[in-house]
Amino acid sequence: KSIVTDWLNTMQEQERATAICFSKEAQDAGAFAEIREGRASNPHYQAFLDTLEQDELDSIQSNAPFFAWMSSRLAEMGGSGKPSLAYVRSYADQHLSRRVASTREKGEALA
């Protein structure tokens, strides 16, 4: 092999690695876009999001914070079974973020 061929192969490998990295970042950003907006289709996850301020939402890069939050709710129940939606919703309503509380107040004022 020539030095030029080796160099070309090395450059192509680096370009592929960079493209894969950018692709993964774009997928991750898309996967958590709704989460960062404070919206989730899972009602347990929505209860969790309702307790977070926008800066906390903006920093979410994985489901780890949600799992930690659910683990805390499970521990409060003595570690038996999955916390019910009613339980986590009640907890979230008692610990609403200012972001959600102000949105709800505006909604009630319009009603």
PDB file of N, CA and C in Angstrom:
ATOM      1  N   LYS A   1       0.839  -1.192   0.000  1.00  0.00           N
ATOM      2  CA  LYS A   1       0.000   0.000   0.000  1.00  0.00           C
ATOM      3  C   LYS A   1       0.877   1.245   0.000  1.00  0.00           C
ATOM      4  N   SER A   2       0.341   2.244  -0.583  1.00  0.00           N
ATOM      5  CA  SER A   2       1.097   3.490  -0.596  1.00  0.00           C
ATOM      6  C   SER A   2       0.696   4.366   0.585  1.00  0.00           C
ATOM      7  N   ILE A   3       1.496   5.328   0.875  1.00  0.00           N
ATOM      8  CA  ILE A   3       1.222   6.273   1.958  1.00  0.00           C
ATOM      9  C   ILE A   3      -0.062   7.043   1.660  1.00  0.00           C
ATOM     10  N   VAL A   4      -0.272   7.368   0.398  1.00  0.00           N
ATOM     11  CA  VAL A   4      -1.463   8.121  -0.003  1.00  0.00           C
ATOM     12  C   VAL A   4      -2.723   7.290   0.238  1.00  0.00           C
ATOM     13  N   THR A   5      -2.677   6.006  -0.087  1.00  0.00           N
ATOM     14  CA  THR A   5      -3.831   5.131   0.129  1.00  0.00           C
ATOM     15  C   THR A   5      -4.135   5.005   1.616  1.00  0.00           C
ATOM     16  N   ASP A   6      -3.089   4.826   2.420  1.00  0.00           N
ATOM     17  CA  ASP A   6      -3.285   4.741   3.874  1.00  0.00           C
ATOM     18  C   ASP A   6      -3.899   6.026   4.414  1.00  0.00           C
ATOM     19  N   TRP A   7      -3.365   7.153   3.943  1.00  0.00           N
ATOM     20  CA  TRP A   7      -3.886   8.447   4.393  1.00  0.00           C
ATOM     21  C   TRP A   7      -5.355   8.602   3.991  1.00  0.00           C
ATOM     22  N   LEU A   8      -5.675   8.236   2.741  1.00  0.00           N
ATOM     23  CA  LEU A   8      -7.042   8.345   2.247  1.00  0.00           C
ATOM     24  C   LEU A   8      -7.986   7.466   3.063  1.00  0.00           C
ATOM     25  N   ASN A   9      -7.589   6.242   3.351  1.00  0.00           N
ATOM     26  CA  ASN A   9      -8.414   5.339   4.167  1.00  0.00           C
ATOM     27  C   ASN A   9      -8.637   5.903   5.565  1.00  0.00           C
ATOM     28  N   THR A  10      -7.600   6.464   6.153  1.00  0.00           N
ATOM     29  CA  THR A  10      -7.712   7.060   7.487  1.00  0.00           C
ATOM     30  C   THR A  10      -8.687   8.234   7.470  1.00  0.00           C
ATOM     31  N   MET A  11      -8.589   9.081   6.455  1.00  0.00           N
ATOM     32  CA  MET A  11      -9.486  10.237   6.340  1.00  0.00           C
ATOM     33  C   MET A  11     -10.935   9.783   6.157  1.00  0.00           C
ATOM     34  N   GLN A  12     -11.148   8.748   5.336  1.00  0.00           N
ATOM     35  CA  GLN A  12     -12.501   8.243   5.116  1.00  0.00           C
ATOM     36  C   GLN A  12     -13.088   7.659   6.399  1.00  0.00           C
ATOM     37  N   GLU A  13     -12.288   6.947   7.160  1.00  0.00           N
ATOM     38  CA  GLU A  13     -12.755   6.389   8.438  1.00  0.00           C
ATOM     39  C   GLU A  13     -13.138   7.497   9.407  1.00  0.00           C
ATOM     40  N   GLN A  14     -12.328   8.549   9.457  1.00  0.00           N
ATOM     41  CA  GLN A  14     -12.636   9.672  10.340  1.00  0.00           C
ATOM     42  C   GLN A  14     -13.922  10.372   9.907  1.00  0.00           C
ATOM     43  N   GLU A  15     -14.114  10.537   8.610  1.00  0.00           N
ATOM     44  CA  GLU A  15     -15.338  11.164   8.103  1.00  0.00           C
ATOM     45  C   GLU A  15     -16.566  10.322   8.436  1.00  0.00           C
ATOM     46  N   ARG A  16     -16.447   8.991   8.286  1.00  0.00           N
ATOM     47  CA  ARG A  16     -17.567   8.106   8.630  1.00  0.00           C
ATOM     48  C   ARG A  16     -17.895   8.208  10.116  1.00  0.00           C
ATOM     49  N   ALA A  17     -16.867   8.208  10.952  1.00  0.00           N
ATOM     50  CA  ALA A  17     -17.086   8.305  12.403  1.00  0.00           C
ATOM     51  C   ALA A  17     -17.762   9.626  12.755  1.00  0.00           C
ATOM     52  N   THR A  18     -17.335  10.706  12.131  1.00  0.00           N
ATOM     53  CA  THR A  18     -17.940  12.018  12.377  1.00  0.00           C
ATOM     54  C   THR A  18     -19.395  12.034  11.916  1.00  0.00           C
ATOM     55  N   ALA A  19     -19.665  11.468  10.745  1.00  0.00           N
ATOM     56  CA  ALA A  19     -21.039  11.426  10.223  1.00  0.00           C
ATOM     57  C   ALA A  19     -21.940  10.614  11.138  1.00  0.00           C
ATOM     58  N   ILE A  20     -21.450   9.495  11.629  1.00  0.00           N
ATOM     59  CA  ILE A  20     -22.234   8.664  12.549  1.00  0.00           C
ATOM     60  C   ILE A  20     -22.526   9.429  13.830  1.00  0.00           C
ATOM     61  N   CYS A  21     -21.530  10.130  14.344  1.00  0.00           N
ATOM     62  CA  CYS A  21     -21.698  10.912  15.576  1.00  0.00           C
ATOM     63  C   CYS A  21     -22.760  11.992  15.379  1.00  0.00           C
ATOM     64  N   PHE A  22     -22.689  12.735  14.269  1.00  0.00           N
ATOM     65  CA  PHE A  22     -23.680  13.780  14.005  1.00  0.00           C
ATOM     66  C   PHE A  22     -25.068  13.192  13.824  1.00  0.00           C
ATOM     67  N   SER A  23     -25.145  12.040  13.174  1.00  0.00           N
ATOM     68  CA  SER A  23     -26.432  11.380  12.971  1.00  0.00           C
ATOM     69  C   SER A  23     -27.042  10.976  14.305  1.00  0.00           C
ATOM     70  N   LYS A  24     -26.230  10.413  15.200  1.00  0.00           N
ATOM     71  CA  LYS A  24     -26.723  10.001  16.518  1.00  0.00           C
ATOM     72  C   LYS A  24     -27.177  11.214  17.319  1.00  0.00           C
ATOM     73  N   GLU A  25     -26.407  12.300  17.272  1.00  0.00           N
ATOM     74  CA  GLU A  25     -26.796  13.517  17.989  1.00  0.00           C
ATOM     75  C   GLU A  25     -28.132  14.047  17.471  1.00  0.00           C
ATOM     76  N   ALA A  26     -28.325  14.009  16.161  1.00  0.00           N
ATOM     77  CA  ALA A  26     -29.587  14.480  15.584  1.00  0.00           C
ATOM     78  C   ALA A  26     -30.746  13.591  16.022  1.00  0.00           C
ATOM     79  N   GLN A  27     -30.528  12.277  16.047  1.00  0.00           N
ATOM     80  CA  GLN A  27     -31.576  11.362  16.497  1.00  0.00           C
ATOM     81  C   GLN A  27     -31.914  11.610  17.960  1.00  0.00           C
ATOM     82  N   ASP A  28     -30.877  11.769  18.799  1.00  0.00           N
ATOM     83  CA  ASP A  28     -31.099  12.021  20.220  1.00  0.00           C
ATOM     84  C   ASP A  28     -31.848  13.332  20.428  1.00  0.00           C
ATOM     85  N   ALA A  29     -31.467  14.360  19.685  1.00  0.00           N
ATOM     86  CA  ALA A  29     -32.137  15.655  19.816  1.00  0.00           C
ATOM     87  C   ALA A  29     -33.606  15.523  19.443  1.00  0.00           C
ATOM     88  N   GLY A  30     -33.892  14.770  18.398  1.00  0.00           N
ATOM     89  CA  GLY A  30     -35.276  14.565  17.988  1.00  0.00           C
ATOM     90  C   GLY A  30     -36.057  13.762  19.002  1.00  0.00           C
ATOM     91  N   ALA A  31     -35.412  12.754  19.567  1.00  0.00           N
ATOM     92  CA  ALA A  31     -36.086  11.883  20.529  1.00  0.00           C
ATOM     93  C   ALA A  31     -36.495  12.643  21.783  1.00  0.00           C
ATOM     94  N   PHE A  32     -35.717  13.621  22.165  1.00  0.00           N
ATOM     95  CA  PHE A  32     -36.009  14.349  23.398  1.00  0.00           C
ATOM     96  C   PHE A  32     -36.574  15.748  23.146  1.00  0.00           C
ATOM     97  N   ALA A  33     -36.907  16.077  21.904  1.00  0.00           N
ATOM     98  CA  ALA A  33     -37.442  17.409  21.595  1.00  0.00           C
ATOM     99  C   ALA A  33     -38.745  17.667  22.342  1.00  0.00           C
ATOM    100  N   GLU A  34     -39.679  16.718  22.298  1.00  0.00           N
ATOM    101  CA  GLU A  34     -40.949  16.900  23.014  1.00  0.00           C
ATOM    102  C   GLU A  34     -40.723  16.936  24.517  1.00  0.00           C
ATOM    103  N   ILE A  35     -39.823  16.102  24.998  1.00  0.00           N
ATOM    104  CA  ILE A  35     -39.513  16.071  26.434  1.00  0.00           C
ATOM    105  C   ILE A  35     -39.019  17.445  26.869  1.00  0.00           C
ATOM    106  N   ARG A  36     -38.134  18.046  26.077  1.00  0.00           N
ATOM    107  CA  ARG A  36     -37.589  19.361  26.422  1.00  0.00           C
ATOM    108  C   ARG A  36     -38.648  20.456  26.346  1.00  0.00           C
ATOM    109  N   GLU A  37     -39.731  20.178  25.635  1.00  0.00           N
ATOM    110  CA  GLU A  37     -40.864  21.113  25.602  1.00  0.00           C
ATOM    111  C   GLU A  37     -41.825  20.849  26.755  1.00  0.00           C
ATOM    112  N   GLY A  38     -41.520  19.834  27.565  1.00  0.00           N
ATOM    113  CA  GLY A  38     -42.370  19.520  28.710  1.00  0.00           C
ATOM    114  C   GLY A  38     -43.556  18.656  28.360  1.00  0.00           C
ATOM    115  N   ARG A  39     -43.468  17.920  27.245  1.00  0.00           N
ATOM    116  CA  ARG A  39     -44.581  17.072  26.814  1.00  0.00           C
ATOM    117  C   ARG A  39     -44.140  15.626  26.658  1.00  0.00           C
ATOM    118  N   ALA A  40     -44.999  14.708  27.118  1.00  0.00           N
ATOM    119  CA  ALA A  40     -44.742  13.278  26.969  1.00  0.00           C
ATOM    120  C   ALA A  40     -46.066  12.555  26.790  1.00  0.00           C
ATOM    121  N   SER A  41     -46.065  11.525  25.961  1.00  0.00           N
ATOM    122  CA  SER A  41     -47.297  10.749  25.768  1.00  0.00           C
ATOM    123  C   SER A  41     -47.541   9.793  26.932  1.00  0.00           C
ATOM    124  N   ASN A  42     -46.490   9.436  27.656  1.00  0.00           N
ATOM    125  CA  ASN A  42     -46.606   8.566  28.826  1.00  0.00           C
ATOM    126  C   ASN A  42     -47.065   9.419  30.016  1.00  0.00           C
ATOM    127  N   PRO A  43     -48.219   9.126  30.616  1.00  0.00           N
ATOM    128  CA  PRO A  43     -48.723   9.972  31.710  1.00  0.00           C
ATOM    129  C   PRO A  43     -47.819   9.981  32.947  1.00  0.00           C
ATOM    130  N   HIS A  44     -47.111   8.881  33.217  1.00  0.00           N
ATOM    131  CA  HIS A  44     -46.158   8.880  34.334  1.00  0.00           C
ATOM    132  C   HIS A  44     -45.010   9.847  34.033  1.00  0.00           C
ATOM    133  N   TYR A  45     -44.532   9.809  32.796  1.00  0.00           N
ATOM    134  CA  TYR A  45     -43.447  10.695  32.379  1.00  0.00           C
ATOM    135  C   TYR A  45     -43.928  12.145  32.415  1.00  0.00           C
ATOM    136  N   GLN A  46     -45.178  12.391  32.001  1.00  0.00           N
ATOM    137  CA  GLN A  46     -45.723  13.748  32.021  1.00  0.00           C
ATOM    138  C   GLN A  46     -45.774  14.289  33.444  1.00  0.00           C
ATOM    139  N   ALA A  47     -46.150  13.449  34.389  1.00  0.00           N
ATOM    140  CA  ALA A  47     -46.175  13.878  35.792  1.00  0.00           C
ATOM    141  C   ALA A  47     -44.782  14.324  36.223  1.00  0.00           C
ATOM    142  N   PHE A  48     -43.771  13.554  35.846  1.00  0.00           N
ATOM    143  CA  PHE A  48     -42.383  13.911  36.153  1.00  0.00           C
ATOM    144  C   PHE A  48     -42.023  15.254  35.524  1.00  0.00           C
ATOM    145  N   LEU A  49     -42.324  15.416  34.241  1.00  0.00           N
ATOM    146  CA  LEU A  49     -41.979  16.659  33.542  1.00  0.00           C
ATOM    147  C   LEU A  49     -42.648  17.873  34.169  1.00  0.00           C
ATOM    148  N   ASP A  50     -43.840  17.693  34.694  1.00  0.00           N
ATOM    149  CA  ASP A  50     -44.565  18.806  35.304  1.00  0.00           C
ATOM    150  C   ASP A  50     -43.894  19.332  36.567  1.00  0.00           C
ATOM    151  N   THR A  51     -42.945  18.588  37.101  1.00  0.00           N
ATOM    152  CA  THR A  51     -42.228  19.039  38.300  1.00  0.00           C
ATOM    153  C   THR A  51     -40.933  19.777  37.956  1.00  0.00           C
ATOM    154  N   LEU A  52     -40.603  19.869  36.671  1.00  0.00           N
ATOM    155  CA  LEU A  52     -39.321  20.448  36.245  1.00  0.00           C
ATOM    156  C   LEU A  52     -39.472  21.844  35.660  1.00  0.00           C
ATOM    157  N   GLU A  53     -38.503  22.688  35.962  1.00  0.00           N
ATOM    158  CA  GLU A  53     -38.428  24.017  35.356  1.00  0.00           C
ATOM    159  C   GLU A  53     -37.782  23.890  33.976  1.00  0.00           C
ATOM    160  N   GLN A  54     -37.883  24.922  33.165  1.00  0.00           N
ATOM    161  CA  GLN A  54     -37.395  24.852  31.790  1.00  0.00           C
ATOM    162  C   GLN A  54     -35.907  24.540  31.715  1.00  0.00           C
ATOM    163  N   ASP A  55     -35.091  25.114  32.587  1.00  0.00           N
ATOM    164  CA  ASP A  55     -33.655  24.824  32.530  1.00  0.00           C
ATOM    165  C   ASP A  55     -33.378  23.347  32.801  1.00  0.00           C
ATOM    166  N   GLU A  56     -34.195  22.729  33.646  1.00  0.00           N
ATOM    167  CA  GLU A  56     -34.046  21.299  33.906  1.00  0.00           C
ATOM    168  C   GLU A  56     -34.489  20.486  32.694  1.00  0.00           C
ATOM    169  N   LEU A  57     -35.564  20.910  32.038  1.00  0.00           N
ATOM    170  CA  LEU A  57     -36.008  20.238  30.813  1.00  0.00           C
ATOM    171  C   LEU A  57     -34.934  20.328  29.736  1.00  0.00           C
ATOM    172  N   ASP A  58     -34.338  21.505  29.603  1.00  0.00           N
ATOM    173  CA  ASP A  58     -33.323  21.719  28.572  1.00  0.00           C
ATOM    174  C   ASP A  58     -32.105  20.822  28.754  1.00  0.00           C
ATOM    175  N   SER A  59     -31.846  20.395  29.976  1.00  0.00           N
ATOM    176  CA  SER A  59     -30.652  19.587  30.239  1.00  0.00           C
ATOM    177  C   SER A  59     -30.892  18.082  30.089  1.00  0.00           C
ATOM    178  N   ILE A  60     -32.123  17.660  29.843  1.00  0.00           N
ATOM    179  CA  ILE A  60     -32.417  16.225  29.732  1.00  0.00           C
ATOM    180  C   ILE A  60     -31.801  15.657  28.458  1.00  0.00           C
ATOM    181  N   GLN A  61     -30.981  14.631  28.635  1.00  0.00           N
ATOM    182  CA  GLN A  61     -30.339  13.966  27.504  1.00  0.00           C
ATOM    183  C   GLN A  61     -30.593  12.464  27.507  1.00  0.00           C
ATOM    184  N   SER A  62     -31.281  11.989  28.530  1.00  0.00           N
ATOM    185  CA  SER A  62     -31.590  10.560  28.623  1.00  0.00           C
ATOM    186  C   SER A  62     -32.810  10.393  29.523  1.00  0.00           C
ATOM    187  N   ASN A  63     -33.234   9.162  29.684  1.00  0.00           N
ATOM    188  CA  ASN A  63     -34.368   8.869  30.561  1.00  0.00           C
ATOM    189  C   ASN A  63     -33.949   8.689  32.019  1.00  0.00           C
ATOM    190  N   ALA A  64     -32.667   8.799  32.306  1.00  0.00           N
ATOM    191  CA  ALA A  64     -32.163   8.566  33.662  1.00  0.00           C
ATOM    192  C   ALA A  64     -32.855   9.434  34.717  1.00  0.00           C
ATOM    193  N   PRO A  65     -33.067  10.739  34.486  1.00  0.00           N
ATOM    194  CA  PRO A  65     -33.746  11.537  35.520  1.00  0.00           C
ATOM    195  C   PRO A  65     -35.161  11.036  35.815  1.00  0.00           C
ATOM    196  N   PHE A  66     -35.877  10.606  34.783  1.00  0.00           N
ATOM    197  CA  PHE A  66     -37.225  10.062  34.979  1.00  0.00           C
ATOM    198  C   PHE A  66     -37.167   8.788  35.813  1.00  0.00           C
ATOM    199  N   PHE A  67     -36.237   7.897  35.487  1.00  0.00           N
ATOM    200  CA  PHE A  67     -36.135   6.641  36.237  1.00  0.00           C
ATOM    201  C   PHE A  67     -35.760   6.896  37.697  1.00  0.00           C
ATOM    202  N   ALA A  68     -34.905   7.876  37.935  1.00  0.00           N
ATOM    203  CA  ALA A  68     -34.548   8.226  39.317  1.00  0.00           C
ATOM    204  C   ALA A  68     -35.773   8.765  40.053  1.00  0.00           C
ATOM    205  N   TRP A  69     -36.548   9.602  39.385  1.00  0.00           N
ATOM    206  CA  TRP A  69     -37.763  10.173  39.978  1.00  0.00           C
ATOM    207  C   TRP A  69     -38.760   9.071  40.302  1.00  0.00           C
ATOM    208  N   MET A  70     -38.971   8.150  39.361  1.00  0.00           N
ATOM    209  CA  MET A  70     -39.901   7.038  39.595  1.00  0.00           C
ATOM    210  C   MET A  70     -39.398   6.135  40.717  1.00  0.00           C
ATOM    211  N   SER A  71     -38.086   5.948  40.803  1.00  0.00           N
ATOM    212  CA  SER A  71     -37.526   5.143  41.896  1.00  0.00           C
ATOM    213  C   SER A  71     -37.827   5.778  43.244  1.00  0.00           C
ATOM    214  N   SER A  72     -37.770   7.096  43.295  1.00  0.00           N
ATOM    215  CA  SER A  72     -38.106   7.798  44.540  1.00  0.00           C
ATOM    216  C   SER A  72     -39.573   7.612  44.894  1.00  0.00           C
ATOM    217  N   ARG A  73     -40.458   7.669  43.889  1.00  0.00           N
ATOM    218  CA  ARG A  73     -41.889   7.447  44.152  1.00  0.00           C
ATOM    219  C   ARG A  73     -42.114   6.009  44.619  1.00  0.00           C
ATOM    220  N   LEU A  74     -41.405   5.066  44.037  1.00  0.00           N
ATOM    221  CA  LEU A  74     -41.510   3.664  44.433  1.00  0.00           C
ATOM    222  C   LEU A  74     -41.045   3.483  45.876  1.00  0.00           C
ATOM    223  N   ALA A  75     -39.951   4.129  46.241  1.00  0.00           N
ATOM    224  CA  ALA A  75     -39.432   4.034  47.610  1.00  0.00           C
ATOM    225  C   ALA A  75     -40.433   4.607  48.611  1.00  0.00           C
ATOM    226  N   GLU A  76     -41.121   5.681  48.234  1.00  0.00           N
ATOM    227  CA  GLU A  76     -42.132   6.268  49.116  1.00  0.00           C
ATOM    228  C   GLU A  76     -43.270   5.291  49.392  1.00  0.00           C
ATOM    229  N   MET A  77     -43.513   4.407  48.449  1.00  0.00           N
ATOM    230  CA  MET A  77     -44.589   3.429  48.596  1.00  0.00           C
ATOM    231  C   MET A  77     -44.099   2.136  49.250  1.00  0.00           C
ATOM    232  N   GLY A  78     -42.883   2.135  49.729  1.00  0.00           N
ATOM    233  CA  GLY A  78     -42.341   0.947  50.370  1.00  0.00           C
ATOM    234  C   GLY A  78     -41.737  -0.043  49.392  1.00  0.00           C
ATOM    235  N   GLY A  79     -41.544   0.370  48.148  1.00  0.00           N
ATOM    236  CA  GLY A  79     -40.891  -0.472  47.160  1.00  0.00           C
ATOM    237  C   GLY A  79     -41.732  -1.602  46.617  1.00  0.00           C
ATOM    238  N   SER A  80     -43.045  -1.541  46.810  1.00  0.00           N
ATOM    239  CA  SER A  80     -43.896  -2.637  46.338  1.00  0.00           C
ATOM    240  C   SER A  80     -44.697  -2.217  45.113  1.00  0.00           C
ATOM    241  N   GLY A  81     -44.399  -2.818  43.980  1.00  0.00           N
ATOM    242  CA  GLY A  81     -45.159  -2.549  42.763  1.00  0.00           C
ATOM    243  C   GLY A  81     -44.860  -1.201  42.148  1.00  0.00           C
ATOM    244  N   LYS A  82     -45.395  -1.007  40.961  1.00  0.00           N
ATOM    245  CA  LYS A  82     -45.236   0.251  40.239  1.00  0.00           C
ATOM    246  C   LYS A  82     -46.181   1.290  40.834  1.00  0.00           C
ATOM    247  N   PRO A  83     -45.681   2.508  41.088  1.00  0.00           N
ATOM    248  CA  PRO A  83     -46.573   3.554  41.595  1.00  0.00           C
ATOM    249  C   PRO A  83     -47.715   3.810  40.609  1.00  0.00           C
ATOM    250  N   SER A  84     -48.907   3.940  41.123  1.00  0.00           N
ATOM    251  CA  SER A  84     -50.067   4.171  40.256  1.00  0.00           C
ATOM    252  C   SER A  84     -49.990   5.560  39.638  1.00  0.00           C
ATOM    253  N   LEU A  85     -50.694   5.724  38.540  1.00  0.00           N
ATOM    254  CA  LEU A  85     -50.756   7.035  37.903  1.00  0.00           C
ATOM    255  C   LEU A  85     -51.361   8.054  38.856  1.00  0.00           C
ATOM    256  N   ALA A  86     -52.373   7.660  39.602  1.00  0.00           N
ATOM    257  CA  ALA A  86     -52.998   8.580  40.560  1.00  0.00           C
ATOM    258  C   ALA A  86     -51.977   9.054  41.590  1.00  0.00           C
ATOM    259  N   TYR A  87     -51.116   8.142  42.039  1.00  0.00           N
ATOM    260  CA  TYR A  87     -50.109   8.499  43.042  1.00  0.00           C
ATOM    261  C   TYR A  87     -49.092   9.484  42.464  1.00  0.00           C
ATOM    262  N   VAL A  88     -48.529   9.169  41.294  1.00  0.00           N
ATOM    263  CA  VAL A  88     -47.507  10.060  40.739  1.00  0.00           C
ATOM    264  C   VAL A  88     -48.114  11.387  40.287  1.00  0.00           C
ATOM    265  N   ARG A  89     -49.358  11.368  39.810  1.00  0.00           N
ATOM    266  CA  ARG A  89     -50.012  12.612  39.400  1.00  0.00           C
ATOM    267  C   ARG A  89     -50.251  13.493  40.627  1.00  0.00           C
ATOM    268  N   SER A  90     -50.682  12.876  41.731  1.00  0.00           N
ATOM    269  CA  SER A  90     -50.900  13.615  42.970  1.00  0.00           C
ATOM    270  C   SER A  90     -49.588  14.222  43.464  1.00  0.00           C
ATOM    271  N   TYR A  91     -48.519  13.436  43.409  1.00  0.00           N
ATOM    272  CA  TYR A  91     -47.204  13.936  43.822  1.00  0.00           C
ATOM    273  C   TYR A  91     -46.807  15.128  42.942  1.00  0.00           C
ATOM    274  N   ALA A  92     -46.954  14.969  41.635  1.00  0.00           N
ATOM    275  CA  ALA A  92     -46.577  16.040  40.712  1.00  0.00           C
ATOM    276  C   ALA A  92     -47.401  17.298  40.966  1.00  0.00           C
ATOM    277  N   ASP A  93     -48.697  17.134  41.198  1.00  0.00           N
ATOM    278  CA  ASP A  93     -49.556  18.294  41.449  1.00  0.00           C
ATOM    279  C   ASP A  93     -49.149  19.037  42.721  1.00  0.00           C
ATOM    280  N   GLN A  94     -48.623  18.310  43.690  1.00  0.00           N
ATOM    281  CA  GLN A  94     -48.160  18.934  44.935  1.00  0.00           C
ATOM    282  C   GLN A  94     -46.779  19.570  44.776  1.00  0.00           C
ATOM    283  N   HIS A  95     -46.059  19.204  43.711  1.00  0.00           N
ATOM    284  CA  HIS A  95     -44.696  19.697  43.483  1.00  0.00           C
ATOM    285  C   HIS A  95     -44.550  20.307  42.085  1.00  0.00           C
ATOM    286  N   LEU A  96     -45.591  20.982  41.630  1.00  0.00           N
ATOM    287  CA  LEU A  96     -45.558  21.571  40.290  1.00  0.00           C
ATOM    288  C   LEU A  96     -44.432  22.585  40.158  1.00  0.00           C
ATOM    289  N   SER A  97     -43.828  22.599  38.992  1.00  0.00           N
ATOM    290  CA  SER A  97     -42.841  23.632  38.702  1.00  0.00           C
ATOM    291  C   SER A  97     -43.570  24.965  38.526  1.00  0.00           C
ATOM    292  N   ARG A  98     -42.841  26.054  38.685  1.00  0.00           N
ATOM    293  CA  ARG A  98     -43.431  27.378  38.441  1.00  0.00           C
ATOM    294  C   ARG A  98     -43.898  27.478  36.990  1.00  0.00           C
ATOM    295  N   ARG A  99     -43.172  26.832  36.096  1.00  0.00           N
ATOM    296  CA  ARG A  99     -43.506  26.821  34.668  1.00  0.00           C
ATOM    297  C   ARG A  99     -44.920  26.281  34.449  1.00  0.00           C
ATOM    298  N   VAL A 100     -45.229  25.142  35.042  1.00  0.00           N
ATOM    299  CA  VAL A 100     -46.542  24.510  34.861  1.00  0.00           C
ATOM    300  C   VAL A 100     -47.610  25.245  35.663  1.00  0.00           C
ATOM    301  N   ALA A 101     -47.271  25.649  36.875  1.00  0.00           N
ATOM    302  CA  ALA A 101     -48.248  26.351  37.715  1.00  0.00           C
ATOM    303  C   ALA A 101     -48.720  27.636  37.035  1.00  0.00           C
ATOM    304  N   SER A 102     -47.795  28.394  36.449  1.00  0.00           N
ATOM    305  CA  SER A 102     -48.198  29.648  35.794  1.00  0.00           C
ATOM    306  C   SER A 102     -49.029  29.367  34.546  1.00  0.00           C
ATOM    307  N   THR A 103     -48.712  28.303  33.823  1.00  0.00           N
ATOM    308  CA  THR A 103     -49.508  27.931  32.649  1.00  0.00           C
ATOM    309  C   THR A 103     -50.916  27.552  33.064  1.00  0.00           C
ATOM    310  N   ARG A 104     -51.031  26.799  34.139  1.00  0.00           N
ATOM    311  CA  ARG A 104     -52.360  26.401  34.627  1.00  0.00           C
ATOM    312  C   ARG A 104     -53.150  27.610  35.113  1.00  0.00           C
ATOM    313  N   GLU A 105     -52.477  28.539  35.797  1.00  0.00           N
ATOM    314  CA  GLU A 105     -53.159  29.745  36.275  1.00  0.00           C
ATOM    315  C   GLU A 105     -53.688  30.560  35.104  1.00  0.00           C
ATOM    316  N   LYS A 106     -52.896  30.671  34.049  1.00  0.00           N
ATOM    317  CA  LYS A 106     -53.336  31.407  32.858  1.00  0.00           C
ATOM    318  C   LYS A 106     -54.534  30.715  32.230  1.00  0.00           C
ATOM    319  N   GLY A 107     -54.495  29.384  32.186  1.00  0.00           N
ATOM    320  CA  GLY A 107     -55.605  28.619  31.623  1.00  0.00           C
ATOM    321  C   GLY A 107     -56.875  28.786  32.424  1.00  0.00           C
ATOM    322  N   GLU A 108     -56.759  28.806  33.751  1.00  0.00           N
ATOM    323  CA  GLU A 108     -57.929  28.987  34.616  1.00  0.00           C
ATOM    324  C   GLU A 108     -58.477  30.401  34.484  1.00  0.00           C
ATOM    325  N   ALA A 109     -57.597  31.373  34.290  1.00  0.00           N
ATOM    326  CA  ALA A 109     -58.046  32.759  34.148  1.00  0.00           C
ATOM    327  C   ALA A 109     -58.822  32.940  32.842  1.00  0.00           C
ATOM    328  N   LEU A 110     -58.463  32.163  31.817  1.00  0.00           N
ATOM    329  CA  LEU A 110     -59.155  32.257  30.535  1.00  0.00           C
ATOM    330  C   LEU A 110     -60.487  31.521  30.551  1.00  0.00           C
ATOM    331  N   ALA A 111     -60.632  30.572  31.455  1.00  0.00           N
ATOM    332  CA  ALA A 111     -61.857  29.750  31.488  1.00  0.00           C
ATOM    333  C   ALA A 111     -63.035  30.487  32.069  1.00  0.00           C
TER     334      ALA A 111
END
